[in-house]
Protein backbone atom coordinates (compact mmCIF):
# COMPACT_ATOMS: atom_id res chain seq x y z
CA UNK A 1 59.47 33.30 75.53
CA UNK A 2 61.25 34.85 77.07
CA UNK A 3 62.66 31.29 78.56
CA UNK A 4 62.78 30.23 74.45
CA UNK A 5 65.55 33.43 73.81
CA UNK A 6 67.54 32.77 76.40
CA UNK A 7 67.82 29.31 75.64
CA UNK A 8 67.85 29.91 72.11
CA UNK A 9 70.81 31.80 72.76
CA UNK A 10 73.08 30.00 75.22
CA UNK A 11 72.40 26.84 72.45
CA UNK A 12 73.77 28.96 70.49
CA UNK A 13 76.94 29.95 72.39
CA UNK A 14 77.40 26.15 72.68
CA UNK A 15 77.26 25.01 69.22
CA UNK A 16 80.39 27.80 68.90
CA UNK A 17 82.43 26.74 71.36
CA UNK A 18 81.31 28.73 74.38
CA UNK A 19 80.51 27.67 77.99
CA UNK A 20 78.61 30.87 78.85
CA UNK A 21 77.87 34.03 77.73
CA UNK A 22 81.17 36.02 79.50
CA UNK A 23 83.33 33.05 78.13
CA UNK A 24 82.46 34.81 74.67
CA UNK A 25 83.09 38.05 76.07
CA UNK A 26 86.61 37.07 76.95
CA UNK A 27 87.20 36.41 73.83
CA UNK A 28 86.96 39.84 72.76
CA UNK A 29 89.49 42.85 72.51
CA UNK A 30 86.87 46.06 71.86
CA UNK A 31 83.30 47.03 72.25
CA UNK A 32 83.30 46.41 67.82
CA UNK A 33 84.53 43.08 68.12
CA UNK A 34 81.96 42.30 70.95
CA UNK A 35 79.14 43.56 69.06
CA UNK A 36 80.19 41.20 65.64
CA UNK A 37 80.76 38.44 67.98
CA UNK A 38 77.43 38.66 69.60
CA UNK A 39 76.01 38.94 65.74
CA UNK A 40 77.74 36.57 64.24
CA UNK A 41 76.76 33.82 67.35
CA UNK A 42 73.09 34.72 68.73
CA UNK A 43 71.17 34.91 65.60
CA UNK A 44 68.77 36.55 68.08
CA UNK A 45 71.30 39.48 67.49
CA UNK A 46 71.79 40.01 64.30
CA UNK A 47 69.26 42.00 63.80
CA UNK A 48 68.23 44.51 60.15
CA UNK A 49 66.36 46.00 58.22
CA UNK A 50 65.25 46.50 54.92
CA UNK A 51 66.01 50.00 53.63
CA UNK A 52 65.20 50.99 49.40
CA UNK A 53 65.43 47.10 48.91
CA UNK A 54 68.70 46.08 50.58
CA UNK A 55 69.66 45.33 54.13
CA UNK A 56 70.82 47.01 55.99
CA UNK A 57 72.48 45.99 58.81
CA UNK A 58 71.38 48.02 62.59
CA UNK A 59 72.92 44.89 65.36
CA UNK A 60 70.95 47.63 67.62
CA UNK A 61 70.54 44.62 70.37
CA UNK A 62 74.31 43.40 70.24
CA UNK A 63 74.68 47.34 70.55
CA UNK A 64 73.11 47.62 73.79
CA UNK A 65 74.23 45.10 74.95
CA UNK A 66 77.92 45.66 74.17
CA UNK A 67 77.16 48.98 76.18
CA UNK A 68 75.82 47.34 78.92
CA UNK A 69 78.77 44.41 79.31
CA UNK A 70 80.36 47.44 79.45
CA UNK A 71 78.58 49.36 82.02
CA UNK A 72 78.62 45.53 84.08
CA UNK A 73 82.65 45.47 84.35
CA UNK A 74 83.89 49.34 84.82
CA UNK A 75 81.48 49.18 87.99
CA UNK A 76 82.91 46.35 88.80
CA UNK A 77 86.57 48.29 89.37
CA UNK A 78 87.71 46.08 85.08
CA UNK A 79 88.28 47.67 82.60
CA UNK A 80 85.41 48.66 79.85
CA UNK A 81 86.16 48.57 76.09
């Protein structure tokens, strides 16, 4: 299952013109921009729920990914978000 998710994410990135996840990250200058881009490009990040009949976008997976990217950037001495 994990393999299929990762392959699907890679295909989605390529379909939107990104050679890699890092290429997508490089195009975003804020945490919000990266979370939005992840939801737009990789369907697995666009999580939502229905609340009182309305669809509510949570983007929890995207937010967690952005937190991880930020921590990784800072750990390597680079400016995070």
